[in-house]
N, C-alpha and C. Protein backbone atom coordinates (compact mmCIF):
# COMPACT_ATOMS: atom_id res chain seq x y z
N MET A 1 -198.47 65.65 136.67
CA MET A 1 -199.16 65.28 137.90
C MET A 1 -198.19 65.37 139.07
N THR A 2 -198.68 65.91 140.18
CA THR A 2 -197.84 66.06 141.36
C THR A 2 -197.66 64.73 142.07
N ARG A 3 -196.69 64.72 143.01
CA ARG A 3 -196.48 63.51 143.80
C ARG A 3 -197.74 63.16 144.58
N ARG A 4 -198.44 64.20 145.06
CA ARG A 4 -199.69 63.94 145.78
C ARG A 4 -200.70 63.24 144.87
N GLY A 5 -200.72 63.64 143.59
CA GLY A 5 -201.63 63.00 142.65
C GLY A 5 -201.31 61.54 142.44
N VAL A 6 -200.01 61.22 142.37
CA VAL A 6 -199.60 59.82 142.21
C VAL A 6 -200.03 59.01 143.42
N VAL A 7 -199.79 59.56 144.62
CA VAL A 7 -200.18 58.86 145.84
C VAL A 7 -201.69 58.65 145.88
N LEU A 8 -202.44 59.67 145.45
CA LEU A 8 -203.90 59.56 145.45
C LEU A 8 -204.36 58.45 144.52
N ARG A 9 -203.75 58.36 143.35
CA ARG A 9 -204.11 57.28 142.42
C ARG A 9 -203.87 55.91 143.04
N VAL A 10 -202.73 55.75 143.66
CA VAL A 10 -202.40 54.46 144.27
C VAL A 10 -203.36 54.14 145.41
N VAL A 11 -203.68 55.15 146.23
CA VAL A 11 -204.61 54.95 147.35
C VAL A 11 -205.98 54.54 146.83
N VAL A 12 -206.45 55.22 145.79
CA VAL A 12 -207.75 54.87 145.21
C VAL A 12 -207.73 53.45 144.67
N LEU A 13 -206.63 53.06 144.00
CA LEU A 13 -206.51 51.71 143.47
C LEU A 13 -206.56 50.68 144.58
N VAL A 14 -205.84 50.92 145.66
CA VAL A 14 -205.84 50.00 146.80
C VAL A 14 -207.24 49.91 147.40
N ALA A 15 -207.93 51.04 147.51
CA ALA A 15 -209.29 51.05 148.07
C ALA A 15 -210.25 50.25 147.20
N VAL A 16 -210.12 50.39 145.89
CA VAL A 16 -210.98 49.63 144.98
C VAL A 16 -210.74 48.14 145.12
N VAL A 17 -209.46 47.75 145.16
CA VAL A 17 -209.13 46.33 145.31
C VAL A 17 -209.65 45.78 146.63
N ALA A 18 -209.47 46.54 147.71
CA ALA A 18 -209.97 46.10 149.01
C ALA A 18 -211.48 45.94 148.99
N SER A 19 -212.17 46.86 148.32
CA SER A 19 -213.63 46.76 148.22
C SER A 19 -214.05 45.52 147.45
N LEU A 20 -213.31 45.20 146.38
CA LEU A 20 -213.61 44.00 145.61
C LEU A 20 -213.44 42.75 146.45
N VAL A 21 -212.38 42.72 147.25
CA VAL A 21 -212.14 41.56 148.11
C VAL A 21 -213.29 41.40 149.10
N VAL A 22 -213.73 42.49 149.72
CA VAL A 22 -214.83 42.43 150.69
C VAL A 22 -216.11 41.99 150.01
N LEU A 23 -216.42 42.55 148.84
CA LEU A 23 -217.64 42.18 148.13
C LEU A 23 -217.61 40.71 147.73
N GLU A 24 -216.46 40.26 147.25
CA GLU A 24 -216.36 38.86 146.83
C GLU A 24 -216.54 37.93 148.02
N THR A 25 -216.05 38.34 149.18
CA THR A 25 -216.15 37.52 150.38
C THR A 25 -217.56 37.51 150.94
N GLN A 26 -218.20 38.68 150.99
CA GLN A 26 -219.49 38.81 151.64
C GLN A 26 -220.68 38.54 150.71
N VAL A 27 -220.55 38.94 149.46
CA VAL A 27 -221.67 38.82 148.52
C VAL A 27 -221.41 37.76 147.47
N GLY A 28 -220.22 37.78 146.90
CA GLY A 28 -219.87 36.84 145.84
C GLY A 28 -220.12 37.42 144.46
N PHE A 29 -219.27 37.09 143.53
CA PHE A 29 -219.40 37.51 142.15
C PHE A 29 -219.81 36.31 141.30
N PRO A 30 -220.30 36.57 140.08
CA PRO A 30 -220.50 35.45 139.15
C PRO A 30 -219.18 34.72 138.97
N SER A 31 -219.25 33.41 138.92
CA SER A 31 -218.01 32.65 138.81
C SER A 31 -217.36 32.84 137.45
N GLU A 32 -216.10 32.52 137.40
CA GLU A 32 -215.35 32.60 136.14
C GLU A 32 -216.00 31.72 135.08
N ASP A 33 -216.41 30.51 135.48
CA ASP A 33 -217.02 29.59 134.52
C ASP A 33 -218.35 30.13 134.01
N GLU A 34 -219.12 30.79 134.87
CA GLU A 34 -220.41 31.34 134.44
C GLU A 34 -220.24 32.44 133.40
N VAL A 35 -219.32 33.35 133.67
CA VAL A 35 -219.11 34.48 132.76
C VAL A 35 -218.56 33.99 131.42
N ARG A 36 -217.51 33.18 131.48
CA ARG A 36 -216.89 32.73 130.23
C ARG A 36 -217.76 31.70 129.52
N GLY A 37 -218.55 30.95 130.30
CA GLY A 37 -219.48 30.02 129.68
C GLY A 37 -220.52 30.74 128.85
N TRP A 38 -221.02 31.87 129.39
CA TRP A 38 -222.00 32.67 128.63
C TRP A 38 -221.38 33.16 127.34
N PHE A 39 -220.14 33.61 127.41
CA PHE A 39 -219.47 34.12 126.21
C PHE A 39 -219.19 32.99 125.24
N ASP A 40 -218.81 31.83 125.75
CA ASP A 40 -218.54 30.68 124.88
C ASP A 40 -219.80 30.23 124.15
N ASP A 41 -220.96 30.42 124.79
CA ASP A 41 -222.22 30.03 124.16
C ASP A 41 -222.51 30.82 122.89
N ARG A 42 -221.86 31.96 122.73
CA ARG A 42 -222.06 32.77 121.53
C ARG A 42 -221.41 32.12 120.31
N GLY A 43 -220.58 31.08 120.55
CA GLY A 43 -219.96 30.36 119.45
C GLY A 43 -218.66 30.97 118.95
N TRP A 44 -218.24 30.50 117.76
CA TRP A 44 -216.95 30.90 117.22
C TRP A 44 -216.87 32.39 116.91
N VAL A 45 -218.02 33.03 116.75
CA VAL A 45 -218.02 34.44 116.37
C VAL A 45 -217.64 35.36 117.52
N ALA A 46 -217.61 34.83 118.74
CA ALA A 46 -217.40 35.68 119.92
C ALA A 46 -216.06 36.41 119.89
N VAL A 47 -214.99 35.67 119.62
CA VAL A 47 -213.66 36.29 119.64
C VAL A 47 -213.50 37.31 118.51
N PRO A 48 -213.84 36.95 117.25
CA PRO A 48 -213.75 37.96 116.19
C PRO A 48 -214.62 39.19 116.47
N ALA A 49 -215.78 38.97 117.09
CA ALA A 49 -216.65 40.11 117.41
C ALA A 49 -215.98 41.03 118.42
N PHE A 50 -215.31 40.44 119.41
CA PHE A 50 -214.62 41.27 120.39
C PHE A 50 -213.46 42.02 119.75
N VAL A 51 -212.73 41.34 118.86
CA VAL A 51 -211.63 42.01 118.16
C VAL A 51 -212.16 43.21 117.38
N GLY A 52 -213.29 43.01 116.68
CA GLY A 52 -213.89 44.11 115.93
C GLY A 52 -214.33 45.25 116.82
N PHE A 53 -214.96 44.88 117.95
CA PHE A 53 -215.38 45.90 118.92
C PHE A 53 -214.19 46.70 119.42
N TYR A 54 -213.10 46.01 119.73
CA TYR A 54 -211.94 46.71 120.28
C TYR A 54 -211.29 47.60 119.22
N ALA A 55 -211.29 47.14 117.98
CA ALA A 55 -210.72 47.96 116.91
C ALA A 55 -211.50 49.27 116.77
N VAL A 56 -212.83 49.18 116.84
CA VAL A 56 -213.66 50.38 116.76
C VAL A 56 -213.42 51.27 117.98
N ALA A 57 -213.32 50.66 119.17
CA ALA A 57 -213.07 51.43 120.39
C ALA A 57 -211.76 52.18 120.31
N THR A 58 -210.78 51.59 119.61
CA THR A 58 -209.48 52.24 119.47
C THR A 58 -209.57 53.51 118.62
N LEU A 59 -210.56 53.56 117.73
CA LEU A 59 -210.74 54.74 116.89
C LEU A 59 -211.38 55.90 117.64
N LEU A 60 -211.99 55.61 118.78
CA LEU A 60 -212.77 56.60 119.51
C LEU A 60 -212.13 56.90 120.86
N PRO A 61 -212.46 58.06 121.45
CA PRO A 61 -211.91 58.40 122.77
C PRO A 61 -212.64 57.68 123.89
N LEU A 62 -212.59 56.36 123.86
CA LEU A 62 -213.23 55.53 124.88
C LEU A 62 -212.17 55.02 125.86
N PRO A 63 -212.58 54.65 127.07
CA PRO A 63 -211.62 54.14 128.06
C PRO A 63 -211.11 52.75 127.69
N LYS A 64 -209.98 52.72 127.00
CA LYS A 64 -209.45 51.43 126.54
C LYS A 64 -209.07 50.50 127.68
N ALA A 65 -208.69 51.07 128.82
CA ALA A 65 -208.34 50.22 129.96
C ALA A 65 -209.52 49.37 130.38
N VAL A 66 -210.71 49.97 130.41
CA VAL A 66 -211.91 49.23 130.79
C VAL A 66 -212.20 48.14 129.77
N CYS A 67 -212.10 48.48 128.48
CA CYS A 67 -212.34 47.49 127.43
C CYS A 67 -211.35 46.34 127.53
N THR A 68 -210.11 46.64 127.87
CA THR A 68 -209.08 45.61 127.99
C THR A 68 -209.35 44.69 129.17
N ILE A 69 -209.76 45.27 130.29
CA ILE A 69 -210.10 44.46 131.47
C ILE A 69 -211.27 43.54 131.16
N VAL A 70 -212.27 44.06 130.45
CA VAL A 70 -213.42 43.24 130.05
C VAL A 70 -212.95 42.08 129.17
N GLY A 71 -212.02 42.35 128.27
CA GLY A 71 -211.50 41.28 127.41
C GLY A 71 -210.88 40.16 128.22
N GLY A 72 -210.12 40.50 129.25
CA GLY A 72 -209.55 39.48 130.11
C GLY A 72 -210.59 38.71 130.87
N ALA A 73 -211.65 39.42 131.30
CA ALA A 73 -212.70 38.77 132.09
C ALA A 73 -213.49 37.76 131.28
N VAL A 74 -213.82 38.10 130.03
CA VAL A 74 -214.70 37.23 129.25
C VAL A 74 -213.94 36.20 128.42
N LEU A 75 -212.67 36.46 128.14
CA LEU A 75 -211.91 35.55 127.27
C LEU A 75 -210.79 34.81 127.98
N GLY A 76 -210.47 35.21 129.20
CA GLY A 76 -209.32 34.61 129.87
C GLY A 76 -208.04 35.34 129.47
N PHE A 77 -206.95 34.99 130.12
CA PHE A 77 -205.73 35.77 129.92
C PHE A 77 -205.16 35.65 128.51
N TRP A 78 -204.86 34.44 128.07
CA TRP A 78 -204.15 34.31 126.80
C TRP A 78 -205.00 34.69 125.60
N THR A 79 -206.25 34.19 125.56
CA THR A 79 -207.13 34.55 124.45
C THR A 79 -207.46 36.04 124.50
N GLY A 80 -207.70 36.55 125.71
CA GLY A 80 -207.99 37.97 125.85
C GLY A 80 -206.82 38.83 125.42
N LEU A 81 -205.61 38.43 125.80
CA LEU A 81 -204.42 39.19 125.41
C LEU A 81 -204.28 39.23 123.90
N ALA A 82 -204.44 38.07 123.25
CA ALA A 82 -204.32 38.02 121.80
C ALA A 82 -205.39 38.87 121.12
N ALA A 83 -206.64 38.77 121.62
CA ALA A 83 -207.75 39.52 121.02
C ALA A 83 -207.55 41.02 121.15
N VAL A 84 -207.13 41.46 122.32
CA VAL A 84 -206.92 42.89 122.54
C VAL A 84 -205.75 43.40 121.69
N LEU A 85 -204.67 42.65 121.64
CA LEU A 85 -203.52 43.08 120.84
C LEU A 85 -203.88 43.20 119.36
N VAL A 86 -204.63 42.22 118.85
CA VAL A 86 -205.04 42.28 117.45
C VAL A 86 -205.99 43.45 117.22
N GLY A 87 -207.00 43.59 118.09
CA GLY A 87 -207.96 44.67 117.94
C GLY A 87 -207.31 46.04 118.03
N ALA A 88 -206.41 46.21 119.00
CA ALA A 88 -205.74 47.50 119.17
C ALA A 88 -204.83 47.82 117.98
N THR A 89 -204.14 46.81 117.48
CA THR A 89 -203.25 47.04 116.35
C THR A 89 -204.03 47.36 115.08
N VAL A 90 -205.13 46.63 114.86
CA VAL A 90 -205.97 46.91 113.69
C VAL A 90 -206.57 48.32 113.79
N GLY A 91 -207.13 48.65 114.96
CA GLY A 91 -207.72 49.97 115.13
C GLY A 91 -206.70 51.08 114.98
N SER A 92 -205.51 50.89 115.55
CA SER A 92 -204.46 51.89 115.43
C SER A 92 -204.03 52.08 113.98
N THR A 93 -203.99 50.98 113.24
CA THR A 93 -203.61 51.05 111.83
C THR A 93 -204.66 51.79 111.02
N LEU A 94 -205.94 51.53 111.30
CA LEU A 94 -207.02 52.22 110.59
C LEU A 94 -206.98 53.72 110.87
N ALA A 95 -206.74 54.09 112.12
CA ALA A 95 -206.65 55.51 112.47
C ALA A 95 -205.46 56.16 111.76
N PHE A 96 -204.34 55.47 111.74
CA PHE A 96 -203.13 55.96 111.07
C PHE A 96 -203.41 56.20 109.58
N LEU A 97 -204.01 55.20 108.93
CA LEU A 97 -204.29 55.31 107.50
C LEU A 97 -205.34 56.39 107.22
N GLY A 98 -206.32 56.51 108.13
CA GLY A 98 -207.35 57.53 107.96
C GLY A 98 -206.76 58.93 108.01
N ALA A 99 -205.88 59.16 108.98
CA ALA A 99 -205.24 60.47 109.09
C ALA A 99 -204.37 60.75 107.87
N ARG A 100 -203.68 59.72 107.40
CA ARG A 100 -202.82 59.90 106.23
C ARG A 100 -203.65 60.15 104.98
N TRP A 101 -204.80 59.50 104.89
CA TRP A 101 -205.68 59.70 103.73
C TRP A 101 -206.26 61.11 103.73
N LEU A 102 -206.61 61.62 104.91
CA LEU A 102 -207.12 62.99 105.00
C LEU A 102 -206.07 63.99 104.57
N GLY A 103 -204.82 63.66 104.85
CA GLY A 103 -203.73 64.53 104.43
C GLY A 103 -203.31 65.49 105.51
N ARG A 104 -202.07 65.88 105.45
CA ARG A 104 -201.51 66.77 106.47
C ARG A 104 -202.25 68.10 106.50
N ASP A 105 -202.57 68.66 105.36
CA ASP A 105 -203.18 69.99 105.32
C ASP A 105 -204.56 70.01 105.95
N SER A 106 -205.28 68.87 105.90
CA SER A 106 -206.64 68.82 106.42
C SER A 106 -206.67 68.77 107.93
N VAL A 107 -205.66 68.18 108.56
CA VAL A 107 -205.71 67.93 109.99
C VAL A 107 -204.64 68.71 110.76
N ARG A 108 -203.61 69.13 110.11
CA ARG A 108 -202.48 69.75 110.80
C ARG A 108 -202.91 70.95 111.63
N GLY A 109 -203.90 71.69 111.17
CA GLY A 109 -204.34 72.87 111.90
C GLY A 109 -204.89 72.58 113.27
N LEU A 110 -205.29 71.34 113.54
CA LEU A 110 -205.84 70.99 114.84
C LEU A 110 -204.77 71.04 115.92
N SER A 111 -203.55 70.69 115.60
CA SER A 111 -202.47 70.69 116.58
C SER A 111 -201.14 70.84 115.85
N ALA A 112 -200.98 71.95 115.12
CA ALA A 112 -199.86 72.11 114.21
C ALA A 112 -198.50 71.97 114.91
N GLU A 113 -198.34 72.63 116.04
CA GLU A 113 -197.04 72.61 116.71
C GLU A 113 -196.70 71.23 117.23
N ARG A 114 -197.69 70.53 117.78
CA ARG A 114 -197.43 69.18 118.28
C ARG A 114 -197.06 68.25 117.14
N VAL A 115 -197.82 68.33 116.03
CA VAL A 115 -197.53 67.48 114.88
C VAL A 115 -196.12 67.74 114.37
N ARG A 116 -195.72 69.00 114.30
CA ARG A 116 -194.38 69.33 113.81
C ARG A 116 -193.30 68.71 114.68
N ARG A 117 -193.48 68.79 115.99
CA ARG A 117 -192.47 68.26 116.90
C ARG A 117 -192.42 66.73 116.85
N VAL A 118 -193.60 66.11 116.81
CA VAL A 118 -193.63 64.65 116.71
C VAL A 118 -192.99 64.21 115.40
N ASP A 119 -193.28 64.93 114.30
CA ASP A 119 -192.72 64.57 113.00
C ASP A 119 -191.20 64.66 113.01
N GLU A 120 -190.66 65.63 113.71
CA GLU A 120 -189.21 65.75 113.82
C GLU A 120 -188.62 64.53 114.53
N GLN A 121 -189.27 64.12 115.62
CA GLN A 121 -188.78 62.95 116.37
C GLN A 121 -188.89 61.68 115.53
N ILE A 122 -190.02 61.53 114.85
CA ILE A 122 -190.23 60.34 114.03
C ILE A 122 -189.21 60.30 112.89
N GLY A 123 -188.96 61.45 112.29
CA GLY A 123 -188.00 61.50 111.19
C GLY A 123 -186.61 61.08 111.61
N ARG A 124 -186.25 61.37 112.85
CA ARG A 124 -184.91 61.02 113.32
C ARG A 124 -184.83 59.59 113.83
N ARG A 125 -185.89 59.12 114.47
CA ARG A 125 -185.78 57.85 115.20
C ARG A 125 -186.70 56.75 114.67
N GLY A 126 -187.76 57.10 113.96
CA GLY A 126 -188.63 56.11 113.34
C GLY A 126 -189.21 55.08 114.29
N PHE A 127 -188.87 53.81 114.05
CA PHE A 127 -189.41 52.69 114.83
C PHE A 127 -189.20 52.89 116.32
N SER A 128 -188.00 53.27 116.73
CA SER A 128 -187.71 53.40 118.16
C SER A 128 -188.53 54.50 118.81
N ALA A 129 -188.83 55.57 118.07
CA ALA A 129 -189.64 56.66 118.62
C ALA A 129 -191.06 56.19 118.88
N VAL A 130 -191.64 55.46 117.93
CA VAL A 130 -193.00 54.95 118.11
C VAL A 130 -193.03 53.93 119.23
N LEU A 131 -192.03 53.07 119.29
CA LEU A 131 -191.96 52.06 120.35
C LEU A 131 -191.93 52.72 121.72
N ALA A 132 -191.10 53.76 121.86
CA ALA A 132 -191.02 54.46 123.14
C ALA A 132 -192.34 55.14 123.48
N ALA A 133 -193.00 55.70 122.48
CA ALA A 133 -194.28 56.37 122.71
C ALA A 133 -195.35 55.38 123.17
N ARG A 134 -195.27 54.15 122.68
CA ARG A 134 -196.25 53.13 123.09
C ARG A 134 -195.92 52.58 124.48
N LEU A 135 -194.66 52.40 124.77
CA LEU A 135 -194.28 51.86 126.07
C LEU A 135 -194.55 52.86 127.19
N LEU A 136 -194.25 54.13 126.95
CA LEU A 136 -194.44 55.19 127.94
C LEU A 136 -195.23 56.32 127.29
N PRO A 137 -196.56 56.16 127.20
CA PRO A 137 -197.36 57.13 126.46
C PRO A 137 -197.39 58.50 127.12
N VAL A 138 -197.14 59.52 126.32
CA VAL A 138 -197.26 60.90 126.76
C VAL A 138 -198.48 61.53 126.09
N ILE A 139 -198.58 61.35 124.77
CA ILE A 139 -199.79 61.74 124.06
C ILE A 139 -200.79 60.59 124.21
N PRO A 140 -202.09 60.88 124.47
CA PRO A 140 -203.08 59.82 124.62
C PRO A 140 -203.07 58.84 123.45
N PHE A 141 -203.35 57.58 123.73
CA PHE A 141 -203.21 56.49 122.77
C PHE A 141 -203.98 56.77 121.48
N THR A 142 -205.27 57.12 121.59
CA THR A 142 -206.08 57.35 120.40
C THR A 142 -205.57 58.54 119.61
N SER A 143 -205.24 59.63 120.29
CA SER A 143 -204.73 60.82 119.60
C SER A 143 -203.42 60.51 118.88
N LEU A 144 -202.57 59.72 119.53
CA LEU A 144 -201.27 59.41 118.94
C LEU A 144 -201.42 58.66 117.62
N ASN A 145 -202.42 57.78 117.54
CA ASN A 145 -202.65 57.05 116.29
C ASN A 145 -202.85 58.00 115.12
N TYR A 146 -203.68 59.02 115.34
CA TYR A 146 -203.96 59.98 114.28
C TYR A 146 -202.77 60.90 114.01
N VAL A 147 -202.13 61.35 115.09
CA VAL A 147 -200.98 62.24 114.93
C VAL A 147 -199.87 61.56 114.12
N LEU A 148 -199.62 60.29 114.42
CA LEU A 148 -198.56 59.58 113.70
C LEU A 148 -198.89 59.40 112.23
N GLY A 149 -200.18 59.36 111.91
CA GLY A 149 -200.58 59.28 110.50
C GLY A 149 -200.20 60.52 109.71
N LEU A 150 -199.95 61.61 110.41
CA LEU A 150 -199.57 62.86 109.75
C LEU A 150 -198.06 63.03 109.64
N THR A 151 -197.32 62.05 110.15
CA THR A 151 -195.86 62.15 110.12
C THR A 151 -195.30 61.37 108.94
N SER A 152 -193.99 61.35 108.86
CA SER A 152 -193.33 60.72 107.71
C SER A 152 -193.01 59.24 107.92
N ILE A 153 -193.37 58.67 109.05
CA ILE A 153 -193.05 57.26 109.29
C ILE A 153 -193.82 56.37 108.32
N ARG A 154 -193.19 55.30 107.90
CA ARG A 154 -193.84 54.34 107.01
C ARG A 154 -194.77 53.42 107.80
N LEU A 155 -195.69 52.79 107.09
CA LEU A 155 -196.72 51.97 107.74
C LEU A 155 -196.12 50.78 108.48
N ALA A 156 -195.19 50.05 107.85
CA ALA A 156 -194.67 48.82 108.44
C ALA A 156 -194.01 49.05 109.80
N PRO A 157 -193.07 49.98 109.95
CA PRO A 157 -192.49 50.20 111.27
C PRO A 157 -193.48 50.73 112.29
N TYR A 158 -194.46 51.50 111.83
CA TYR A 158 -195.50 51.99 112.74
C TYR A 158 -196.29 50.83 113.32
N VAL A 159 -196.74 49.92 112.46
CA VAL A 159 -197.54 48.78 112.92
C VAL A 159 -196.72 47.88 113.84
N LEU A 160 -195.49 47.59 113.46
CA LEU A 160 -194.64 46.70 114.26
C LEU A 160 -194.34 47.32 115.62
N ALA A 161 -193.98 48.60 115.64
CA ALA A 161 -193.67 49.26 116.91
C ALA A 161 -194.89 49.33 117.81
N THR A 162 -196.06 49.55 117.21
CA THR A 162 -197.29 49.58 118.00
C THR A 162 -197.59 48.22 118.59
N ALA A 163 -197.52 47.18 117.75
CA ALA A 163 -197.85 45.82 118.21
C ALA A 163 -196.93 45.38 119.34
N VAL A 164 -195.66 45.74 119.27
CA VAL A 164 -194.70 45.35 120.31
C VAL A 164 -194.84 46.24 121.54
N GLY A 165 -194.99 47.53 121.32
CA GLY A 165 -194.97 48.48 122.43
C GLY A 165 -196.15 48.40 123.37
N ILE A 166 -197.30 47.93 122.87
CA ILE A 166 -198.48 47.89 123.74
C ILE A 166 -198.59 46.59 124.54
N VAL A 167 -197.67 45.65 124.31
CA VAL A 167 -197.78 44.35 124.99
C VAL A 167 -197.72 44.46 126.52
N PRO A 168 -196.73 45.14 127.11
CA PRO A 168 -196.66 45.14 128.59
C PRO A 168 -197.90 45.71 129.26
N GLY A 169 -198.34 46.89 128.83
CA GLY A 169 -199.51 47.50 129.45
C GLY A 169 -200.76 46.68 129.21
N THR A 170 -200.91 46.14 128.00
CA THR A 170 -202.08 45.32 127.69
C THR A 170 -202.11 44.08 128.56
N ALA A 171 -200.97 43.42 128.73
CA ALA A 171 -200.91 42.20 129.54
C ALA A 171 -201.35 42.46 130.97
N VAL A 172 -200.96 43.61 131.52
CA VAL A 172 -201.34 43.93 132.91
C VAL A 172 -202.84 44.11 133.02
N TYR A 173 -203.44 44.89 132.12
CA TYR A 173 -204.87 45.15 132.21
C TYR A 173 -205.69 43.90 131.92
N VAL A 174 -205.25 43.08 130.96
CA VAL A 174 -205.94 41.81 130.69
C VAL A 174 -205.87 40.92 131.92
N ALA A 175 -204.72 40.88 132.59
CA ALA A 175 -204.57 40.06 133.79
C ALA A 175 -205.51 40.51 134.90
N VAL A 176 -205.71 41.82 135.03
CA VAL A 176 -206.65 42.32 136.04
C VAL A 176 -208.04 41.75 135.79
N GLY A 177 -208.46 41.73 134.53
CA GLY A 177 -209.77 41.17 134.21
C GLY A 177 -209.82 39.66 134.33
N ALA A 178 -208.76 39.00 133.86
CA ALA A 178 -208.74 37.54 133.84
C ALA A 178 -208.74 36.94 135.24
N PHE A 179 -208.03 37.58 136.17
CA PHE A 179 -207.90 37.03 137.52
C PHE A 179 -208.74 37.78 138.55
N GLY A 180 -209.56 38.72 138.06
CA GLY A 180 -210.37 39.51 138.97
C GLY A 180 -211.50 38.76 139.63
N PHE A 181 -211.80 37.55 139.14
CA PHE A 181 -212.84 36.74 139.78
C PHE A 181 -212.40 36.26 141.15
N GLU A 182 -211.11 36.29 141.40
CA GLU A 182 -210.56 35.90 142.71
C GLU A 182 -209.65 37.01 143.20
N PRO A 183 -210.24 38.10 143.75
CA PRO A 183 -209.44 39.27 144.15
C PRO A 183 -208.36 38.96 145.18
N GLY A 184 -208.52 37.87 145.93
CA GLY A 184 -207.52 37.55 146.93
C GLY A 184 -206.42 36.64 146.43
N SER A 185 -206.44 36.29 145.14
CA SER A 185 -205.46 35.35 144.60
C SER A 185 -204.14 36.03 144.29
N TRP A 186 -203.08 35.23 144.23
CA TRP A 186 -201.76 35.76 143.91
C TRP A 186 -201.68 36.32 142.49
N PRO A 187 -202.26 35.64 141.49
CA PRO A 187 -202.21 36.22 140.14
C PRO A 187 -202.83 37.61 140.07
N PHE A 188 -203.95 37.80 140.79
CA PHE A 188 -204.59 39.11 140.78
C PHE A 188 -203.72 40.14 141.50
N ALA A 189 -203.11 39.72 142.61
CA ALA A 189 -202.23 40.64 143.35
C ALA A 189 -201.05 41.06 142.49
N ILE A 190 -200.49 40.12 141.73
CA ILE A 190 -199.37 40.44 140.85
C ILE A 190 -199.82 41.41 139.75
N ALA A 191 -201.03 41.18 139.22
CA ALA A 191 -201.56 42.07 138.19
C ALA A 191 -201.73 43.49 138.72
N ILE A 192 -202.26 43.61 139.93
CA ILE A 192 -202.44 44.93 140.53
C ILE A 192 -201.09 45.60 140.79
N ALA A 193 -200.12 44.80 141.25
CA ALA A 193 -198.78 45.35 141.46
C ALA A 193 -198.21 45.88 140.14
N GLY A 194 -198.42 45.14 139.07
CA GLY A 194 -197.97 45.60 137.76
C GLY A 194 -198.66 46.88 137.35
N LEU A 195 -199.95 46.99 137.67
CA LEU A 195 -200.70 48.20 137.35
C LEU A 195 -200.15 49.40 138.11
N VAL A 196 -199.81 49.19 139.38
CA VAL A 196 -199.23 50.27 140.18
C VAL A 196 -197.88 50.70 139.60
N VAL A 197 -197.06 49.72 139.23
CA VAL A 197 -195.75 50.03 138.66
C VAL A 197 -195.90 50.83 137.36
N LEU A 198 -196.81 50.39 136.48
CA LEU A 198 -197.03 51.10 135.23
C LEU A 198 -197.50 52.53 135.48
N THR A 199 -198.39 52.69 136.46
CA THR A 199 -198.91 54.03 136.78
C THR A 199 -197.80 54.95 137.25
N VAL A 200 -196.99 54.46 138.18
CA VAL A 200 -195.92 55.29 138.74
C VAL A 200 -194.89 55.64 137.66
N ILE A 201 -194.49 54.64 136.87
CA ILE A 201 -193.51 54.89 135.81
C ILE A 201 -194.07 55.87 134.78
N GLY A 202 -195.32 55.63 134.38
CA GLY A 202 -195.93 56.50 133.38
C GLY A 202 -196.05 57.94 133.84
N VAL A 203 -196.53 58.13 135.07
CA VAL A 203 -196.70 59.49 135.59
C VAL A 203 -195.35 60.18 135.75
N THR A 204 -194.36 59.45 136.25
CA THR A 204 -193.02 60.02 136.40
C THR A 204 -192.45 60.45 135.06
N HIS A 205 -192.63 59.60 134.05
CA HIS A 205 -192.13 59.92 132.71
C HIS A 205 -192.85 61.15 132.15
N GLN A 206 -194.17 61.22 132.36
CA GLN A 206 -194.93 62.37 131.87
C GLN A 206 -194.45 63.66 132.51
N ARG A 207 -194.18 63.62 133.79
CA ARG A 207 -193.70 64.82 134.48
C ARG A 207 -192.36 65.28 133.91
N ARG A 208 -191.49 64.34 133.64
CA ARG A 208 -190.18 64.70 133.08
C ARG A 208 -190.33 65.30 131.69
N VAL A 209 -191.21 64.70 130.88
CA VAL A 209 -191.40 65.21 129.52
C VAL A 209 -192.01 66.61 129.56
N ARG A 210 -193.02 66.80 130.42
CA ARG A 210 -193.67 68.11 130.49
C ARG A 210 -192.70 69.17 131.00
N SER A 211 -191.78 68.79 131.87
CA SER A 211 -190.81 69.77 132.37
C SER A 211 -189.86 70.23 131.27
N ARG A 212 -189.66 69.36 130.26
CA ARG A 212 -188.79 69.72 129.13
C ARG A 212 -189.58 70.36 128.01
N ASP A 213 -190.86 69.97 127.87
CA ASP A 213 -191.68 70.45 126.75
C ASP A 213 -193.09 70.68 127.23
N PRO A 214 -193.48 71.93 127.53
CA PRO A 214 -194.81 72.22 128.04
C PRO A 214 -195.92 71.97 127.05
N LEU A 215 -195.59 71.71 125.76
CA LEU A 215 -196.62 71.45 124.78
C LEU A 215 -197.17 70.04 124.89
N ARG A 216 -196.44 69.16 125.58
CA ARG A 216 -196.90 67.78 125.73
C ARG A 216 -198.08 67.73 126.66
N THR A 217 -198.92 66.73 126.46
CA THR A 217 -200.06 66.53 127.33
C THR A 217 -199.96 65.17 127.95
N THR A 218 -200.73 64.93 129.00
CA THR A 218 -200.69 63.64 129.67
C THR A 218 -201.30 62.57 128.82
N GLY A 219 -200.85 61.32 129.02
CA GLY A 219 -201.35 60.20 128.24
C GLY A 219 -202.39 59.42 128.97
N ASP A 220 -203.06 58.54 128.24
CA ASP A 220 -204.02 57.67 128.88
C ASP A 220 -203.48 56.26 128.85
N GLU A 221 -204.40 55.25 128.95
CA GLU A 221 -203.95 53.88 129.03
C GLU A 221 -203.23 53.45 127.80
N VAL A 222 -202.45 52.36 127.90
CA VAL A 222 -201.64 51.88 126.81
C VAL A 222 -202.51 51.30 125.74
N ALA A 223 -203.59 50.56 126.05
CA ALA A 223 -204.36 49.93 125.05
C ALA A 223 -205.80 50.01 125.34
């Protein structure tokens, strides 16, 4: 992505936040208590149901950022963060095991050169390679789950690196949802600032990787 593209993303983000502030001031949103009260009325099954939903969403090419923001909105920051982290880790593990069960020969033809290069990196660096891929995604999150299943990394370091690596990005998106009921509040402003920082760092990293390896593709949200 060009520098103009980065600036455009930031401008769009600022415009969206400004629109939310105006709407909240002039029209008003459902209160935090109303939204979370409705979810609480579903009983003890609500949180496990959301974890299950998120795990399934992780298996599919769905916008995980939106799902994560919704988790923060309906569950609050801490519960939402825990639910998303568990759901994302479970879903990522299922995708990893599914790809491994299918076998390298069944799936390798879909992206043989990419799989070979990722496998070389994983073979040399293992846990640290997966951790770096989660912290600064270059391959899209869902695709990476399946690709890593075709590599030589063992399950335990894959799961641990995934669970740790997705924490920063997940926390930012959950915070956007959790504090979005008050767009003018400091917690929401800090969450948006974190989102901008993640976007700029991620795009800059992607540009550097693509300049070294044109086979790489841009990544999507962390969780």
